[in-house]
């Protein structure tokens, strides 16, 4: 058995993170998943009351719920958070600082947010956002599930 991943922004990291999610929860569904280099945050339906959401943190393994359950908004949807092209997303992630105009030396954090598509014609699809933070602004690249760019927001200067 392979050890749970600790470096999450890699092909092995994505694969291992979602494998660990399947082991803990039985699937890879949820409302939203944020993946940083060594930590992830997940919002899933409360198994006791699907009108509520529970947050979990991953740090070498999925822990117990963090905080209290919160009420789900009427437009929140559960989607398969692993339904995106890992390799193409990682390719965009590697070049994200340049894409949004942040010098590599200035990058404080680069992370991904996987959430439901806002397109009513694709209610089961996800959107992947890559966020690049620096002291000089934050930029984002939004991707379709197949890894093609949907939108780019350069870092504010």
C-alpha atoms as a PDB file:
ATOM      1  CA  UNK A   1       0.000   0.000   0.000  1.00  0.00           C
ATOM      2  CA  UNK A   2       1.337   3.424  -0.930  1.00  0.00           C
ATOM      3  CA  UNK A   3       1.700   6.100   1.717  1.00  0.00           C
ATOM      4  CA  UNK A   4      -0.810   8.972   1.505  1.00  0.00           C
ATOM      5  CA  UNK A   5       0.657  11.878  -0.477  1.00  0.00           C
ATOM      6  CA  UNK A   6       1.996  14.948   1.251  1.00  0.00           C
ATOM      7  CA  UNK A   7       2.980  16.937  -1.869  1.00  0.00           C
ATOM      8  CA  UNK A   8      -0.416  17.427  -3.486  1.00  0.00           C
ATOM      9  CA  UNK A   9       0.277  19.519  -6.603  1.00  0.00           C
ATOM     10  CA  UNK A  10       1.594  16.659  -8.731  1.00  0.00           C
ATOM     11  CA  UNK A  11       0.060  13.785 -10.679  1.00  0.00           C
ATOM     12  CA  UNK A  12       0.799  11.420  -7.786  1.00  0.00           C
ATOM     13  CA  UNK A  13      -0.513  14.008  -5.340  1.00  0.00           C
ATOM     14  CA  UNK A  14      -3.839  14.441  -7.155  1.00  0.00           C
ATOM     15  CA  UNK A  15      -4.249  10.697  -7.646  1.00  0.00           C
ATOM     16  CA  UNK A  16      -3.358   9.909  -4.042  1.00  0.00           C
ATOM     17  CA  UNK A  17      -5.531  12.701  -2.625  1.00  0.00           C
ATOM     18  CA  UNK A  18      -8.596  11.412  -4.478  1.00  0.00           C
ATOM     19  CA  UNK A  19      -7.746   7.784  -3.575  1.00  0.00           C
ATOM     20  CA  UNK A  20      -7.623   8.831   0.084  1.00  0.00           C
ATOM     21  CA  UNK A  21     -10.932  10.660  -0.388  1.00  0.00           C
ATOM     22  CA  UNK A  22     -12.546   7.484  -1.772  1.00  0.00           C
ATOM     23  CA  UNK A  23     -11.206   5.483   1.179  1.00  0.00           C
ATOM     24  CA  UNK A  24     -12.510   7.960   3.770  1.00  0.00           C
ATOM     25  CA  UNK A  25     -15.842   8.935   2.186  1.00  0.00           C
ATOM     26  CA  UNK A  26     -16.604   6.265  -0.421  1.00  0.00           C
ATOM     27  CA  UNK A  27     -16.480   8.719  -3.363  1.00  0.00           C
ATOM     28  CA  UNK A  28     -14.880  11.930  -4.618  1.00  0.00           C
ATOM     29  CA  UNK A  29     -17.935  14.174  -4.482  1.00  0.00           C
ATOM     30  CA  UNK A  30     -18.398  17.441  -2.666  1.00  0.00           C
ATOM     31  CA  UNK A  31     -19.245  21.115  -2.956  1.00  0.00           C
ATOM     32  CA  UNK A  32     -15.686  22.418  -3.225  1.00  0.00           C
ATOM     33  CA  UNK A  33     -12.066  21.323  -2.858  1.00  0.00           C
ATOM     34  CA  UNK A  34      -9.066  23.624  -2.400  1.00  0.00           C
ATOM     35  CA  UNK A  35      -5.671  22.013  -3.036  1.00  0.00           C
ATOM     36  CA  UNK A  36      -2.519  23.758  -1.779  1.00  0.00           C
ATOM     37  CA  UNK A  37       0.986  22.255  -2.043  1.00  0.00           C
ATOM     38  CA  UNK A  38       0.717  20.207   1.170  1.00  0.00           C
ATOM     39  CA  UNK A  39      -2.818  20.737   2.499  1.00  0.00           C
ATOM     40  CA  UNK A  40      -6.352  20.488   1.099  1.00  0.00           C
ATOM     41  CA  UNK A  41      -9.753  21.690   2.282  1.00  0.00           C
ATOM     42  CA  UNK A  42     -12.975  19.915   1.331  1.00  0.00           C
ATOM     43  CA  UNK A  43     -16.648  20.809   1.763  1.00  0.00           C
ATOM     44  CA  UNK A  44     -19.026  17.814   1.574  1.00  0.00           C
ATOM     45  CA  UNK A  45     -22.653  17.169   2.476  1.00  0.00           C
ATOM     46  CA  UNK A  46     -23.252  16.332   6.130  1.00  0.00           C
ATOM     47  CA  UNK A  47     -24.063  12.591   6.161  1.00  0.00           C
ATOM     48  CA  UNK A  48     -26.574  13.241   8.971  1.00  0.00           C
ATOM     49  CA  UNK A  49     -28.382  16.123   7.217  1.00  0.00           C
ATOM     50  CA  UNK A  50     -27.829  16.895   3.512  1.00  0.00           C
ATOM     51  CA  UNK A  51     -29.094  20.458   4.073  1.00  0.00           C
ATOM     52  CA  UNK A  52     -25.757  21.111   5.770  1.00  0.00           C
ATOM     53  CA  UNK A  53     -22.130  21.065   4.648  1.00  0.00           C
ATOM     54  CA  UNK A  54     -19.150  19.785   6.623  1.00  0.00           C
ATOM     55  CA  UNK A  55     -15.537  20.881   6.085  1.00  0.00           C
ATOM     56  CA  UNK A  56     -12.565  18.533   6.246  1.00  0.00           C
ATOM     57  CA  UNK A  57      -8.834  19.171   6.127  1.00  0.00           C
ATOM     58  CA  UNK A  58      -6.227  16.936   4.484  1.00  0.00           C
ATOM     59  CA  UNK A  59      -2.658  16.924   5.785  1.00  0.00           C
ATOM     60  CA  UNK A  60      -1.199  13.524   4.930  1.00  0.00           C
ATOM     61  CA  UNK A  61      -4.702  12.086   5.472  1.00  0.00           C
ATOM     62  CA  UNK A  62      -8.293  13.253   5.848  1.00  0.00           C
ATOM     63  CA  UNK A  63      -9.023  14.268   9.429  1.00  0.00           C
ATOM     64  CA  UNK A  64     -12.265  14.612  11.309  1.00  0.00           C
ATOM     65  CA  UNK A  65     -14.652  17.464  10.427  1.00  0.00           C
ATOM     66  CA  UNK A  66     -13.371  20.943  11.191  1.00  0.00           C
ATOM     67  CA  UNK A  67     -15.808  23.354  12.764  1.00  0.00           C
ATOM     68  CA  UNK A  68     -19.573  23.070  12.860  1.00  0.00           C
ATOM     69  CA  UNK A  69     -21.778  22.087   9.910  1.00  0.00           C
ATOM     70  CA  UNK A  70     -23.011  25.045   7.861  1.00  0.00           C
ATOM     71  CA  UNK A  71     -26.256  25.521   5.979  1.00  0.00           C
ATOM     72  CA  UNK A  72     -26.135  24.740   2.267  1.00  0.00           C
ATOM     73  CA  UNK A  73     -27.259  27.523  -0.089  1.00  0.00           C
ATOM     74  CA  UNK A  74     -30.074  26.734  -2.519  1.00  0.00           C
ATOM     75  CA  UNK A  75     -27.703  26.944  -5.521  1.00  0.00           C
ATOM     76  CA  UNK A  76     -24.937  24.734  -4.018  1.00  0.00           C
ATOM     77  CA  UNK A  77     -24.429  21.487  -5.951  1.00  0.00           C
ATOM     78  CA  UNK A  78     -22.527  18.304  -5.233  1.00  0.00           C
ATOM     79  CA  UNK A  79     -20.242  17.256  -8.096  1.00  0.00           C
ATOM     80  CA  UNK A  80     -17.487  14.727  -8.682  1.00  0.00           C
ATOM     81  CA  UNK A  81     -14.482  16.849  -7.714  1.00  0.00           C
ATOM     82  CA  UNK A  82     -12.075  14.435  -9.451  1.00  0.00           C
ATOM     83  CA  UNK A  83     -13.758  14.912 -12.854  1.00  0.00           C
ATOM     84  CA  UNK A  84     -11.021  16.995 -14.503  1.00  0.00           C
ATOM     85  CA  UNK A  85      -7.894  16.312 -16.546  1.00  0.00           C
ATOM     86  CA  UNK A  86      -5.113  16.068 -13.954  1.00  0.00           C
ATOM     87  CA  UNK A  87      -2.191  16.246 -16.407  1.00  0.00           C
ATOM     88  CA  UNK A  88      -3.437  19.248 -18.398  1.00  0.00           C
ATOM     89  CA  UNK A  89      -4.364  21.071 -15.190  1.00  0.00           C
ATOM     90  CA  UNK A  90      -0.863  20.478 -13.803  1.00  0.00           C
ATOM     91  CA  UNK A  91       0.637  21.827 -17.032  1.00  0.00           C
ATOM     92  CA  UNK A  92      -1.347  25.061 -16.642  1.00  0.00           C
ATOM     93  CA  UNK A  93      -0.514  25.178 -12.927  1.00  0.00           C
ATOM     94  CA  UNK A  94       3.226  25.076 -13.665  1.00  0.00           C
ATOM     95  CA  UNK A  95       2.969  28.131 -15.926  1.00  0.00           C
ATOM     96  CA  UNK A  96       0.303  29.993 -13.929  1.00  0.00           C
ATOM     97  CA  UNK A  97       2.581  32.660 -12.395  1.00  0.00           C
ATOM     98  CA  UNK A  98       3.737  33.788 -15.857  1.00  0.00           C
ATOM     99  CA  UNK A  99       0.196  33.545 -17.233  1.00  0.00           C
ATOM    100  CA  UNK A 100      -1.163  35.972 -14.626  1.00  0.00           C
ATOM    101  CA  UNK A 101       1.914  38.217 -14.628  1.00  0.00           C
ATOM    102  CA  UNK A 102       3.496  37.335 -11.275  1.00  0.00           C
ATOM    103  CA  UNK A 103       7.268  36.882 -11.109  1.00  0.00           C
ATOM    104  CA  UNK A 104       8.151  33.445  -9.704  1.00  0.00           C
ATOM    105  CA  UNK A 105      10.271  35.059  -6.986  1.00  0.00           C
ATOM    106  CA  UNK A 106       7.188  36.979  -5.790  1.00  0.00           C
ATOM    107  CA  UNK A 107       4.814  33.975  -5.542  1.00  0.00           C
ATOM    108  CA  UNK A 108       3.682  33.325  -1.965  1.00  0.00           C
ATOM    109  CA  UNK A 109       1.181  30.559  -2.730  1.00  0.00           C
ATOM    110  CA  UNK A 110      -0.354  28.847  -5.745  1.00  0.00           C
ATOM    111  CA  UNK A 111      -3.407  26.690  -5.207  1.00  0.00           C
ATOM    112  CA  UNK A 112      -6.388  25.139  -6.979  1.00  0.00           C
ATOM    113  CA  UNK A 113     -10.103  25.407  -6.271  1.00  0.00           C
ATOM    114  CA  UNK A 114     -12.378  22.773  -7.801  1.00  0.00           C
ATOM    115  CA  UNK A 115     -16.064  23.655  -7.681  1.00  0.00           C
ATOM    116  CA  UNK A 116     -19.277  23.133  -9.676  1.00  0.00           C
ATOM    117  CA  UNK A 117     -19.574  24.783 -13.064  1.00  0.00           C
ATOM    118  CA  UNK A 118     -21.813  27.831 -13.134  1.00  0.00           C
ATOM    119  CA  UNK A 119     -23.016  26.860 -16.630  1.00  0.00           C
ATOM    120  CA  UNK A 120     -26.607  25.545 -16.345  1.00  0.00           C
ATOM    121  CA  UNK A 121     -26.047  23.394 -19.446  1.00  0.00           C
ATOM    122  CA  UNK A 122     -23.308  21.406 -17.608  1.00  0.00           C
ATOM    123  CA  UNK A 123     -24.640  20.997 -14.047  1.00  0.00           C
ATOM    124  CA  UNK A 124     -22.413  17.986 -13.258  1.00  0.00           C
ATOM    125  CA  UNK A 125     -19.192  19.564 -14.561  1.00  0.00           C
ATOM    126  CA  UNK A 126     -16.489  21.190 -12.469  1.00  0.00           C
ATOM    127  CA  UNK A 127     -14.501  24.351 -12.983  1.00  0.00           C
ATOM    128  CA  UNK A 128     -10.862  24.428 -11.896  1.00  0.00           C
ATOM    129  CA  UNK A 129      -9.438  27.744 -10.738  1.00  0.00           C
ATOM    130  CA  UNK A 130      -5.704  28.201 -10.263  1.00  0.00           C
ATOM    131  CA  UNK A 131      -4.975  31.070  -7.895  1.00  0.00           C
ATOM    132  CA  UNK A 132      -1.528  32.709  -7.692  1.00  0.00           C
ATOM    133  CA  UNK A 133      -0.959  34.917  -4.622  1.00  0.00           C
ATOM    134  CA  UNK A 134       1.823  37.451  -4.140  1.00  0.00           C
ATOM    135  CA  UNK A 135       2.424  40.670  -2.217  1.00  0.00           C
ATOM    136  CA  UNK A 136       1.910  42.445  -5.542  1.00  0.00           C
ATOM    137  CA  UNK A 137      -1.493  41.033  -6.430  1.00  0.00           C
ATOM    138  CA  UNK A 138      -3.472  37.879  -6.982  1.00  0.00           C
ATOM    139  CA  UNK A 139      -4.194  36.381 -10.374  1.00  0.00           C
ATOM    140  CA  UNK A 140      -6.403  33.496 -11.468  1.00  0.00           C
ATOM    141  CA  UNK A 141      -6.692  31.093 -14.357  1.00  0.00           C
ATOM    142  CA  UNK A 142     -10.045  29.356 -14.744  1.00  0.00           C
ATOM    143  CA  UNK A 143     -10.147  26.054 -16.654  1.00  0.00           C
ATOM    144  CA  UNK A 144     -12.773  23.802 -18.153  1.00  0.00           C
ATOM    145  CA  UNK A 145     -12.585  20.190 -16.879  1.00  0.00           C
ATOM    146  CA  UNK A 146     -10.560  19.174 -19.952  1.00  0.00           C
ATOM    147  CA  UNK A 147      -7.839  21.691 -18.994  1.00  0.00           C
ATOM    148  CA  UNK A 148      -8.557  24.313 -21.650  1.00  0.00           C
ATOM    149  CA  UNK A 149      -8.633  27.924 -20.415  1.00  0.00           C
ATOM    150  CA  UNK A 150     -12.005  29.509 -19.714  1.00  0.00           C
ATOM    151  CA  UNK A 151     -10.760  32.859 -18.377  1.00  0.00           C
ATOM    152  CA  UNK A 152      -7.588  34.563 -17.139  1.00  0.00           C
ATOM    153  CA  UNK A 153      -7.521  37.330 -14.544  1.00  0.00           C
ATOM    154  CA  UNK A 154      -4.066  38.951 -14.383  1.00  0.00           C
ATOM    155  CA  UNK A 155      -2.697  39.898 -10.974  1.00  0.00           C
ATOM    156  CA  UNK A 156      -3.804  43.373  -9.964  1.00  0.00           C
ATOM    157  CA  UNK A 157      -0.871  45.710  -9.920  1.00  0.00           C
END
